[in-house]
Amino acid sequence: MKLVTAIISSQKLDEAREALLEIGATGLTISRIFGDAFERHGSRTDDCLFKLEILAAERLADTIVESIIGILGTEAADDARILVFEPEQAVRIRTLEIGEEAVG
């Protein structure tokens, strides 16, 4: 399993969410960013930053990264990053599934 994180502007948020759901990335969390990164980008409420976190099966990670890059393109801020992590463990509390079974 992989955890893919990306910082995107509010202008690309809906497009990114729809594209990720279309490719089967259902473990999606979206958080609004405040603090240093938010201030560097600009504090206008019509163009704020969001952090996407996608917990996905390993086989989907590269597709997720490619999709985000395709959406952001060269319009991404100079300091835009996509990070991919390997979580040590995942547990779906409702079913007690563990590991890859808990993802997706």
PDB file of N, CA and C in Angstrom:
ATOM      1  N   MET A   1       0.842  -1.171   0.000  1.00  0.00           N
ATOM      2  CA  MET A   1       0.000   0.000   0.000  1.00  0.00           C
ATOM      3  C   MET A   1       0.886   1.232   0.000  1.00  0.00           C
ATOM      4  N   LYS A   2       0.358   2.325  -0.537  1.00  0.00           N
ATOM      5  CA  LYS A   2       1.089   3.592  -0.632  1.00  0.00           C
ATOM      6  C   LYS A   2       0.194   4.725  -0.147  1.00  0.00           C
ATOM      7  N   LEU A   3       0.830   5.755   0.374  1.00  0.00           N
ATOM      8  CA  LEU A   3       0.146   6.994   0.724  1.00  0.00           C
ATOM      9  C   LEU A   3       0.735   8.079  -0.161  1.00  0.00           C
ATOM     10  N   VAL A   4      -0.080   8.615  -1.054  1.00  0.00           N
ATOM     11  CA  VAL A   4       0.354   9.666  -1.978  1.00  0.00           C
ATOM     12  C   VAL A   4      -0.196  10.983  -1.448  1.00  0.00           C
ATOM     13  N   THR A   5       0.678  11.991  -1.295  1.00  0.00           N
ATOM     14  CA  THR A   5       0.231  13.312  -0.862  1.00  0.00           C
ATOM     15  C   THR A   5       0.636  14.343  -1.905  1.00  0.00           C
ATOM     16  N   ALA A   6      -0.225  15.328  -2.076  1.00  0.00           N
ATOM     17  CA  ALA A   6       0.049  16.396  -3.039  1.00  0.00           C
ATOM     18  C   ALA A   6      -0.590  17.685  -2.547  1.00  0.00           C
ATOM     19  N   ILE A   7       0.043  18.797  -2.862  1.00  0.00           N
ATOM     20  CA  ILE A   7      -0.486  20.118  -2.546  1.00  0.00           C
ATOM     21  C   ILE A   7      -0.986  20.729  -3.848  1.00  0.00           C
ATOM     22  N   ILE A   8      -2.253  21.139  -3.865  1.00  0.00           N
ATOM     23  CA  ILE A   8      -2.818  21.719  -5.083  1.00  0.00           C
ATOM     24  C   ILE A   8      -3.619  22.975  -4.736  1.00  0.00           C
ATOM     25  N   SER A   9      -3.844  23.798  -5.740  1.00  0.00           N
ATOM     26  CA  SER A   9      -4.626  25.014  -5.530  1.00  0.00           C
ATOM     27  C   SER A   9      -6.110  24.684  -5.588  1.00  0.00           C
ATOM     28  N   SER A  10      -6.908  25.571  -5.024  1.00  0.00           N
ATOM     29  CA  SER A  10      -8.359  25.375  -5.026  1.00  0.00           C
ATOM     30  C   SER A  10      -8.905  25.325  -6.446  1.00  0.00           C
ATOM     31  N   GLN A  11      -8.218  25.973  -7.372  1.00  0.00           N
ATOM     32  CA  GLN A  11      -8.673  25.996  -8.763  1.00  0.00           C
ATOM     33  C   GLN A  11      -8.611  24.624  -9.428  1.00  0.00           C
ATOM     34  N   LYS A  12      -7.752  23.736  -8.916  1.00  0.00           N
ATOM     35  CA  LYS A  12      -7.596  22.395  -9.489  1.00  0.00           C
ATOM     36  C   LYS A  12      -8.237  21.308  -8.631  1.00  0.00           C
ATOM     37  N   LEU A  13      -8.799  21.677  -7.495  1.00  0.00           N
ATOM     38  CA  LEU A  13      -9.284  20.689  -6.535  1.00  0.00           C
ATOM     39  C   LEU A  13     -10.385  19.794  -7.107  1.00  0.00           C
ATOM     40  N   ASP A  14     -11.420  20.368  -7.680  1.00  0.00           N
ATOM     41  CA  ASP A  14     -12.523  19.553  -8.206  1.00  0.00           C
ATOM     42  C   ASP A  14     -12.062  18.630  -9.322  1.00  0.00           C
ATOM     43  N   GLU A  15     -11.238  19.148 -10.213  1.00  0.00           N
ATOM     44  CA  GLU A  15     -10.720  18.345 -11.315  1.00  0.00           C
ATOM     45  C   GLU A  15      -9.883  17.169 -10.789  1.00  0.00           C
ATOM     46  N   ALA A  16      -9.053  17.435  -9.796  1.00  0.00           N
ATOM     47  CA  ALA A  16      -8.222  16.384  -9.215  1.00  0.00           C
ATOM     48  C   ALA A  16      -9.077  15.337  -8.521  1.00  0.00           C
ATOM     49  N   ARG A  17     -10.044  15.766  -7.742  1.00  0.00           N
ATOM     50  CA  ARG A  17     -10.914  14.837  -7.028  1.00  0.00           C
ATOM     51  C   ARG A  17     -11.663  13.924  -7.998  1.00  0.00           C
ATOM     52  N   GLU A  18     -12.222  14.500  -9.038  1.00  0.00           N
ATOM     53  CA  GLU A  18     -12.962  13.716 -10.029  1.00  0.00           C
ATOM     54  C   GLU A  18     -12.048  12.729 -10.760  1.00  0.00           C
ATOM     55  N   ALA A  19     -10.857  13.173 -11.144  1.00  0.00           N
ATOM     56  CA  ALA A  19      -9.928  12.298 -11.861  1.00  0.00           C
ATOM     57  C   ALA A  19      -9.464  11.147 -10.973  1.00  0.00           C
ATOM     58  N   LEU A  20      -9.200  11.427  -9.707  1.00  0.00           N
ATOM     59  CA  LEU A  20      -8.750  10.387  -8.795  1.00  0.00           C
ATOM     60  C   LEU A  20      -9.849   9.355  -8.537  1.00  0.00           C
ATOM     61  N   LEU A  21     -11.070   9.815  -8.367  1.00  0.00           N
ATOM     62  CA  LEU A  21     -12.173   8.874  -8.176  1.00  0.00           C
ATOM     63  C   LEU A  21     -12.394   8.029  -9.430  1.00  0.00           C
ATOM     64  N   GLU A  22     -12.205   8.632 -10.586  1.00  0.00           N
ATOM     65  CA  GLU A  22     -12.376   7.926 -11.861  1.00  0.00           C
ATOM     66  C   GLU A  22     -11.389   6.771 -12.024  1.00  0.00           C
ATOM     67  N   ILE A  23     -10.171   6.925 -11.505  1.00  0.00           N
ATOM     68  CA  ILE A  23      -9.176   5.850 -11.647  1.00  0.00           C
ATOM     69  C   ILE A  23      -9.222   4.863 -10.479  1.00  0.00           C
ATOM     70  N   GLY A  24     -10.161   5.070  -9.570  1.00  0.00           N
ATOM     71  CA  GLY A  24     -10.339   4.119  -8.485  1.00  0.00           C
ATOM     72  C   GLY A  24      -9.641   4.464  -7.195  1.00  0.00           C
ATOM     73  N   ALA A  25      -9.174   5.702  -7.060  1.00  0.00           N
ATOM     74  CA  ALA A  25      -8.509   6.145  -5.828  1.00  0.00           C
ATOM     75  C   ALA A  25      -9.579   6.637  -4.864  1.00  0.00           C
ATOM     76  N   THR A  26     -10.142   5.712  -4.094  1.00  0.00           N
ATOM     77  CA  THR A  26     -11.271   6.058  -3.233  1.00  0.00           C
ATOM     78  C   THR A  26     -10.867   6.475  -1.827  1.00  0.00           C
ATOM     79  N   GLY A  27      -9.658   6.146  -1.390  1.00  0.00           N
ATOM     80  CA  GLY A  27      -9.202   6.512  -0.048  1.00  0.00           C
ATOM     81  C   GLY A  27      -8.630   7.911  -0.035  1.00  0.00           C
ATOM     82  N   LEU A  28      -9.464   8.905  -0.305  1.00  0.00           N
ATOM     83  CA  LEU A  28      -9.011  10.281  -0.511  1.00  0.00           C
ATOM     84  C   LEU A  28      -9.405  11.163   0.667  1.00  0.00           C
ATOM     85  N   THR A  29      -8.424  11.901   1.209  1.00  0.00           N
ATOM     86  CA  THR A  29      -8.674  12.897   2.244  1.00  0.00           C
ATOM     87  C   THR A  29      -8.200  14.242   1.718  1.00  0.00           C
ATOM     88  N   ILE A  30      -9.004  15.279   1.925  1.00  0.00           N
ATOM     89  CA  ILE A  30      -8.668  16.629   1.463  1.00  0.00           C
ATOM     90  C   ILE A  30      -8.649  17.554   2.677  1.00  0.00           C
ATOM     91  N   SER A  31      -7.539  18.312   2.827  1.00  0.00           N
ATOM     92  CA  SER A  31      -7.397  19.252   3.942  1.00  0.00           C
ATOM     93  C   SER A  31      -6.974  20.607   3.402  1.00  0.00           C
ATOM     94  N   ARG A  32      -7.566  21.655   3.943  1.00  0.00           N
ATOM     95  CA  ARG A  32      -7.144  23.012   3.570  1.00  0.00           C
ATOM     96  C   ARG A  32      -5.872  23.350   4.330  1.00  0.00           C
ATOM     97  N   ILE A  33      -4.945  24.006   3.644  1.00  0.00           N
ATOM     98  CA  ILE A  33      -3.649  24.323   4.236  1.00  0.00           C
ATOM     99  C   ILE A  33      -3.638  25.746   4.775  1.00  0.00           C
ATOM    100  N   PHE A  34      -3.147  25.862   5.987  1.00  0.00           N
ATOM    101  CA  PHE A  34      -2.908  27.160   6.608  1.00  0.00           C
ATOM    102  C   PHE A  34      -1.454  27.179   7.053  1.00  0.00           C
ATOM    103  N   GLY A  35      -0.914  28.351   7.304  1.00  0.00           N
ATOM    104  CA  GLY A  35       0.459  28.441   7.787  1.00  0.00           C
ATOM    105  C   GLY A  35       1.402  28.919   6.706  1.00  0.00           C
ATOM    106  N   ASP A  36       2.664  28.522   6.814  1.00  0.00           N
ATOM    107  CA  ASP A  36       3.724  29.036   5.965  1.00  0.00           C
ATOM    108  C   ASP A  36       3.463  28.816   4.478  1.00  0.00           C
ATOM    109  N   ALA A  37       3.122  27.613   4.083  1.00  0.00           N
ATOM    110  CA  ALA A  37       2.884  27.332   2.658  1.00  0.00           C
ATOM    111  C   ALA A  37       1.710  28.146   2.146  1.00  0.00           C
ATOM    112  N   PHE A  38       0.688  28.284   2.971  1.00  0.00           N
ATOM    113  CA  PHE A  38      -0.488  29.060   2.605  1.00  0.00           C
ATOM    114  C   PHE A  38      -0.128  30.522   2.407  1.00  0.00           C
ATOM    115  N   GLU A  39       0.682  31.068   3.302  1.00  0.00           N
ATOM    116  CA  GLU A  39       1.072  32.473   3.213  1.00  0.00           C
ATOM    117  C   GLU A  39       1.959  32.744   1.998  1.00  0.00           C
ATOM    118  N   ARG A  40       2.880  31.817   1.686  1.00  0.00           N
ATOM    119  CA  ARG A  40       3.741  32.010   0.520  1.00  0.00           C
ATOM    120  C   ARG A  40       2.932  32.013  -0.772  1.00  0.00           C
ATOM    121  N   HIS A  41       1.898  31.207  -0.806  1.00  0.00           N
ATOM    122  CA  HIS A  41       1.079  31.099  -2.007  1.00  0.00           C
ATOM    123  C   HIS A  41       0.161  32.306  -2.149  1.00  0.00           C
ATOM    124  N   GLY A  42      -0.244  32.866  -1.058  1.00  0.00           N
ATOM    125  CA  GLY A  42      -1.177  33.992  -1.074  1.00  0.00           C
ATOM    126  C   GLY A  42      -2.395  33.620  -0.262  1.00  0.00           C
ATOM    127  N   SER A  43      -2.883  34.538   0.513  1.00  0.00           N
ATOM    128  CA  SER A  43      -3.971  34.215   1.426  1.00  0.00           C
ATOM    129  C   SER A  43      -5.337  34.563   0.866  1.00  0.00           C
ATOM    130  N   ARG A  44      -5.425  34.795  -0.439  1.00  0.00           N
ATOM    131  CA  ARG A  44      -6.735  35.069  -1.027  1.00  0.00           C
ATOM    132  C   ARG A  44      -7.620  33.835  -0.863  1.00  0.00           C
ATOM    133  N   THR A  45      -8.836  34.036  -0.438  1.00  0.00           N
ATOM    134  CA  THR A  45      -9.719  32.895  -0.191  1.00  0.00           C
ATOM    135  C   THR A  45     -10.172  32.238  -1.489  1.00  0.00           C
ATOM    136  N   ASP A  46     -10.065  32.926  -2.622  1.00  0.00           N
ATOM    137  CA  ASP A  46     -10.486  32.320  -3.888  1.00  0.00           C
ATOM    138  C   ASP A  46      -9.391  31.450  -4.502  1.00  0.00           C
ATOM    139  N   ASP A  47      -8.201  31.461  -3.953  1.00  0.00           N
ATOM    140  CA  ASP A  47      -7.107  30.641  -4.482  1.00  0.00           C
ATOM    141  C   ASP A  47      -6.242  30.139  -3.338  1.00  0.00           C
ATOM    142  N   CYS A  48      -6.783  29.272  -2.528  1.00  0.00           N
ATOM    143  CA  CYS A  48      -6.026  28.728  -1.405  1.00  0.00           C
ATOM    144  C   CYS A  48      -5.467  27.365  -1.793  1.00  0.00           C
ATOM    145  N   LEU A  49      -4.709  26.775  -0.882  1.00  0.00           N
ATOM    146  CA  LEU A  49      -4.076  25.488  -1.139  1.00  0.00           C
ATOM    147  C   LEU A  49      -4.760  24.374  -0.373  1.00  0.00           C
ATOM    148  N   PHE A  50      -4.736  23.183  -0.972  1.00  0.00           N
ATOM    149  CA  PHE A  50      -5.283  21.999  -0.333  1.00  0.00           C
ATOM    150  C   PHE A  50      -4.269  20.877  -0.391  1.00  0.00           C
ATOM    151  N   LYS A  51      -4.287  20.037   0.620  1.00  0.00           N
ATOM    152  CA  LYS A  51      -3.436  18.853   0.657  1.00  0.00           C
ATOM    153  C   LYS A  51      -4.317  17.643   0.379  1.00  0.00           C
ATOM    154  N   LEU A  52      -3.944  16.883  -0.623  1.00  0.00           N
ATOM    155  CA  LEU A  52      -4.627  15.634  -0.933  1.00  0.00           C
ATOM    156  C   LEU A  52      -3.811  14.494  -0.341  1.00  0.00           C
ATOM    157  N   GLU A  53      -4.469  13.567   0.288  1.00  0.00           N
ATOM    158  CA  GLU A  53      -3.832  12.361   0.786  1.00  0.00           C
ATOM    159  C   GLU A  53      -4.638  11.181   0.262  1.00  0.00           C
ATOM    160  N   ILE A  54      -3.973  10.312  -0.444  1.00  0.00           N
ATOM    161  CA  ILE A  54      -4.648   9.174  -1.050  1.00  0.00           C
ATOM    162  C   ILE A  54      -3.981   7.894  -0.568  1.00  0.00           C
ATOM    163  N   LEU A  55      -4.710   7.082   0.167  1.00  0.00           N
ATOM    164  CA  LEU A  55      -4.227   5.779   0.587  1.00  0.00           C
ATOM    165  C   LEU A  55      -4.723   4.781  -0.446  1.00  0.00           C
ATOM    166  N   ALA A  56      -3.787   4.118  -1.113  1.00  0.00           N
ATOM    167  CA  ALA A  56      -4.162   3.266  -2.237  1.00  0.00           C
ATOM    168  C   ALA A  56      -3.330   1.993  -2.263  1.00  0.00           C
ATOM    169  N   ALA A  57      -3.848   1.019  -2.977  1.00  0.00           N
ATOM    170  CA  ALA A  57      -3.081  -0.191  -3.227  1.00  0.00           C
ATOM    171  C   ALA A  57      -1.836   0.187  -4.019  1.00  0.00           C
ATOM    172  N   GLU A  58      -0.760  -0.536  -3.816  1.00  0.00           N
ATOM    173  CA  GLU A  58       0.516  -0.219  -4.459  1.00  0.00           C
ATOM    174  C   GLU A  58       0.388  -0.143  -5.978  1.00  0.00           C
ATOM    175  N   ARG A  59      -0.430  -1.005  -6.557  1.00  0.00           N
ATOM    176  CA  ARG A  59      -0.582  -1.030  -8.019  1.00  0.00           C
ATOM    177  C   ARG A  59      -1.174   0.260  -8.578  1.00  0.00           C
ATOM    178  N   LEU A  60      -1.847   1.067  -7.735  1.00  0.00           N
ATOM    179  CA  LEU A  60      -2.461   2.318  -8.195  1.00  0.00           C
ATOM    180  C   LEU A  60      -1.577   3.547  -8.007  1.00  0.00           C
ATOM    181  N   ALA A  61      -0.523   3.438  -7.226  1.00  0.00           N
ATOM    182  CA  ALA A  61       0.269   4.616  -6.837  1.00  0.00           C
ATOM    183  C   ALA A  61       0.818   5.383  -8.038  1.00  0.00           C
ATOM    184  N   ASP A  62       1.436   4.693  -8.998  1.00  0.00           N
ATOM    185  CA  ASP A  62       2.005   5.389 -10.151  1.00  0.00           C
ATOM    186  C   ASP A  62       0.921   6.062 -10.984  1.00  0.00           C
ATOM    187  N   THR A  63      -0.225   5.421 -11.122  1.00  0.00           N
ATOM    188  CA  THR A  63      -1.340   6.004 -11.873  1.00  0.00           C
ATOM    189  C   THR A  63      -1.847   7.263 -11.185  1.00  0.00           C
ATOM    190  N   ILE A  64      -1.898   7.245  -9.860  1.00  0.00           N
ATOM    191  CA  ILE A  64      -2.331   8.415  -9.096  1.00  0.00           C
ATOM    192  C   ILE A  64      -1.355   9.569  -9.301  1.00  0.00           C
ATOM    193  N   VAL A  65      -0.067   9.291  -9.196  1.00  0.00           N
ATOM    194  CA  VAL A  65       0.952  10.329  -9.392  1.00  0.00           C
ATOM    195  C   VAL A  65       0.845  10.907 -10.800  1.00  0.00           C
ATOM    196  N   GLU A  66       0.740  10.060 -11.804  1.00  0.00           N
ATOM    197  CA  GLU A  66       0.627  10.525 -13.187  1.00  0.00           C
ATOM    198  C   GLU A  66      -0.620  11.374 -13.388  1.00  0.00           C
ATOM    199  N   SER A  67      -1.719  10.985 -12.767  1.00  0.00           N
ATOM    200  CA  SER A  67      -2.962  11.743 -12.884  1.00  0.00           C
ATOM    201  C   SER A  67      -2.817  13.139 -12.282  1.00  0.00           C
ATOM    202  N   ILE A  68      -2.210  13.226 -11.097  1.00  0.00           N
ATOM    203  CA  ILE A  68      -2.021  14.525 -10.444  1.00  0.00           C
ATOM    204  C   ILE A  68      -1.093  15.411 -11.273  1.00  0.00           C
ATOM    205  N   ILE A  69      -0.006  14.842 -11.781  1.00  0.00           N
ATOM    206  CA  ILE A  69       0.913  15.615 -12.624  1.00  0.00           C
ATOM    207  C   ILE A  69       0.180  16.120 -13.862  1.00  0.00           C
ATOM    208  N   GLY A  70      -0.634  15.272 -14.471  1.00  0.00           N
ATOM    209  CA  GLY A  70      -1.394  15.676 -15.646  1.00  0.00           C
ATOM    210  C   GLY A  70      -2.348  16.821 -15.365  1.00  0.00           C
ATOM    211  N   ILE A  71      -2.939  16.826 -14.192  1.00  0.00           N
ATOM    212  CA  ILE A  71      -3.883  17.879 -13.815  1.00  0.00           C
ATOM    213  C   ILE A  71      -3.146  19.178 -13.506  1.00  0.00           C
ATOM    214  N   LEU A  72      -2.070  19.093 -12.742  1.00  0.00           N
ATOM    215  CA  LEU A  72      -1.339  20.299 -12.347  1.00  0.00           C
ATOM    216  C   LEU A  72      -0.522  20.868 -13.493  1.00  0.00           C
ATOM    217  N   GLY A  73       0.105  20.010 -14.281  1.00  0.00           N
ATOM    218  CA  GLY A  73       0.928  20.464 -15.394  1.00  0.00           C
ATOM    219  C   GLY A  73       1.956  21.487 -14.961  1.00  0.00           C
ATOM    220  N   THR A  74       2.320  22.362 -15.873  1.00  0.00           N
ATOM    221  CA  THR A  74       3.332  23.383 -15.571  1.00  0.00           C
ATOM    222  C   THR A  74       2.742  24.573 -14.830  1.00  0.00           C
ATOM    223  N   GLU A  75       1.443  24.542 -14.559  1.00  0.00           N
ATOM    224  CA  GLU A  75       0.805  25.626 -13.807  1.00  0.00           C
ATOM    225  C   GLU A  75       1.043  25.482 -12.304  1.00  0.00           C
ATOM    226  N   ALA A  76       1.602  24.360 -11.880  1.00  0.00           N
ATOM    227  CA  ALA A  76       1.840  24.137 -10.458  1.00  0.00           C
ATOM    228  C   ALA A  76       2.833  25.167  -9.925  1.00  0.00           C
ATOM    229  N   ALA A  77       2.668  25.508  -8.662  1.00  0.00           N
ATOM    230  CA  ALA A  77       3.595  26.444  -8.024  1.00  0.00           C
ATOM    231  C   ALA A  77       5.002  25.872  -8.060  1.00  0.00           C
ATOM    232  N   ASP A  78       6.009  26.767  -8.024  1.00  0.00           N
ATOM    233  CA  ASP A  78       7.406  26.342  -8.097  1.00  0.00           C
ATOM    234  C   ASP A  78       7.769  25.301  -7.049  1.00  0.00           C
ATOM    235  N   ASP A  79       7.143  25.383  -5.879  1.00  0.00           N
ATOM    236  CA  ASP A  79       7.500  24.455  -4.814  1.00  0.00           C
ATOM    237  C   ASP A  79       6.528  23.283  -4.692  1.00  0.00           C
ATOM    238  N   ALA A  80       5.724  23.048  -5.731  1.00  0.00           N
ATOM    239  CA  ALA A  80       4.761  21.947  -5.705  1.00  0.00           C
ATOM    240  C   ALA A  80       5.492  20.607  -5.638  1.00  0.00           C
ATOM    241  N   ARG A  81       4.942  19.704  -4.843  1.00  0.00           N
ATOM    242  CA  ARG A  81       5.545  18.387  -4.671  1.00  0.00           C
ATOM    243  C   ARG A  81       4.449  17.335  -4.600  1.00  0.00           C
ATOM    244  N   ILE A  82       4.799  16.147  -5.006  1.00  0.00           N
ATOM    245  CA  ILE A  82       3.988  14.966  -4.747  1.00  0.00           C
ATOM    246  C   ILE A  82       4.900  14.025  -3.975  1.00  0.00           C
ATOM    247  N   LEU A  83       4.432  13.556  -2.855  1.00  0.00           N
ATOM    248  CA  LEU A  83       5.221  12.655  -2.028  1.00  0.00           C
ATOM    249  C   LEU A  83       4.516  11.298  -1.944  1.00  0.00           C
ATOM    250  N   VAL A  84       5.298  10.236  -1.989  1.00  0.00           N
ATOM    251  CA  VAL A  84       4.754   8.888  -1.892  1.00  0.00           C
ATOM    252  C   VAL A  84       5.425   8.194  -0.708  1.00  0.00           C
ATOM    253  N   PHE A  85       4.606   7.710   0.199  1.00  0.00           N
ATOM    254  CA  PHE A  85       5.088   7.039   1.406  1.00  0.00           C
ATOM    255  C   PHE A  85       4.604   5.599   1.431  1.00  0.00           C
ATOM    256  N   GLU A  86       5.297   4.789   2.198  1.00  0.00           N
ATOM    257  CA  GLU A  86       4.852   3.427   2.453  1.00  0.00           C
ATOM    258  C   GLU A  86       4.414   3.337   3.908  1.00  0.00           C
ATOM    259  N   PRO A  87       3.113   3.368   4.159  1.00  0.00           N
ATOM    260  CA  PRO A  87       2.641   3.244   5.536  1.00  0.00           C
ATOM    261  C   PRO A  87       3.036   1.886   6.111  1.00  0.00           C
ATOM    262  N   GLU A  88       3.334   1.887   7.365  1.00  0.00           N
ATOM    263  CA  GLU A  88       3.720   0.649   8.028  1.00  0.00           C
ATOM    264  C   GLU A  88       2.530  -0.296   8.187  1.00  0.00           C
ATOM    265  N   GLN A  89       1.351   0.271   8.428  1.00  0.00           N
ATOM    266  CA  GLN A  89       0.178  -0.564   8.646  1.00  0.00           C
ATOM    267  C   GLN A  89      -1.087   0.232   8.381  1.00  0.00           C
ATOM    268  N   ALA A  90      -2.148  -0.448   7.974  1.00  0.00           N
ATOM    269  CA  ALA A  90      -3.470   0.148   7.836  1.00  0.00           C
ATOM    270  C   ALA A  90      -4.480  -0.833   8.411  1.00  0.00           C
ATOM    271  N   VAL A  91      -5.467  -0.309   9.123  1.00  0.00           N
ATOM    272  CA  VAL A  91      -6.531  -1.136   9.680  1.00  0.00           C
ATOM    273  C   VAL A  91      -7.860  -0.459   9.380  1.00  0.00           C
ATOM    274  N   ARG A  92      -8.756  -1.180   8.746  1.00  0.00           N
ATOM    275  CA  ARG A  92     -10.118  -0.675   8.556  1.00  0.00           C
ATOM    276  C   ARG A  92     -10.883  -1.059   9.812  1.00  0.00           C
ATOM    277  N   ILE A  93     -11.218  -0.095  10.632  1.00  0.00           N
ATOM    278  CA  ILE A  93     -11.777  -0.354  11.951  1.00  0.00           C
ATOM    279  C   ILE A  93     -13.103  -1.110  11.879  1.00  0.00           C
ATOM    280  N   ARG A  94     -13.961  -0.733  10.955  1.00  0.00           N
ATOM    281  CA  ARG A  94     -15.287  -1.354  10.870  1.00  0.00           C
ATOM    282  C   ARG A  94     -15.220  -2.850  10.648  1.00  0.00           C
ATOM    283  N   THR A  95     -14.282  -3.296   9.773  1.00  0.00           N
ATOM    284  CA  THR A  95     -14.203  -4.716   9.427  1.00  0.00           C
ATOM    285  C   THR A  95     -12.986  -5.427  10.020  1.00  0.00           C
ATOM    286  N   LEU A  96     -12.088  -4.662  10.612  1.00  0.00           N
ATOM    287  CA  LEU A  96     -10.827  -5.171  11.159  1.00  0.00           C
ATOM    288  C   LEU A  96      -9.907  -5.758  10.093  1.00  0.00           C
ATOM    289  N   GLU A  97     -10.109  -5.345   8.835  1.00  0.00           N
ATOM    290  CA  GLU A  97      -9.185  -5.756   7.766  1.00  0.00           C
ATOM    291  C   GLU A  97      -7.863  -5.052   7.996  1.00  0.00           C
ATOM    292  N   ILE A  98      -6.764  -5.748   7.653  1.00  0.00           N
ATOM    293  CA  ILE A  98      -5.428  -5.229   7.900  1.00  0.00           C
ATOM    294  C   ILE A  98      -4.640  -5.220   6.602  1.00  0.00           C
ATOM    295  N   GLY A  99      -3.743  -4.215   6.460  1.00  0.00           N
ATOM    296  CA  GLY A  99      -2.855  -4.131   5.311  1.00  0.00           C
ATOM    297  C   GLY A  99      -3.583  -3.795   4.026  1.00  0.00           C
ATOM    298  N   GLU A 100      -3.162  -4.417   2.908  1.00  0.00           N
ATOM    299  CA  GLU A 100      -3.762  -4.130   1.597  1.00  0.00           C
ATOM    300  C   GLU A 100      -5.270  -4.336   1.599  1.00  0.00           C
ATOM    301  N   GLU A 101      -5.754  -5.286   2.376  1.00  0.00           N
ATOM    302  CA  GLU A 101      -7.203  -5.548   2.436  1.00  0.00           C
ATOM    303  C   GLU A 101      -7.972  -4.371   3.023  1.00  0.00           C
ATOM    304  N   ALA A 102      -7.303  -3.548   3.818  1.00  0.00           N
ATOM    305  CA  ALA A 102      -7.947  -2.393   4.434  1.00  0.00           C
ATOM    306  C   ALA A 102      -7.986  -1.184   3.504  1.00  0.00           C
ATOM    307  N   VAL A 103      -7.323  -1.300   2.362  1.00  0.00           N
ATOM    308  CA  VAL A 103      -7.224  -0.197   1.411  1.00  0.00           C
ATOM    309  C   VAL A 103      -8.171  -0.470   0.248  1.00  0.00           C
ATOM    310  N   GLY A 104      -9.031   0.512  -0.054  1.00  0.00           N
ATOM    311  CA  GLY A 104      -9.883   0.383  -1.225  1.00  0.00           C
ATOM    312  C   GLY A 104     -11.061  -0.425  -1.074  1.00  0.00           C
TER     313      GLY A 104
END
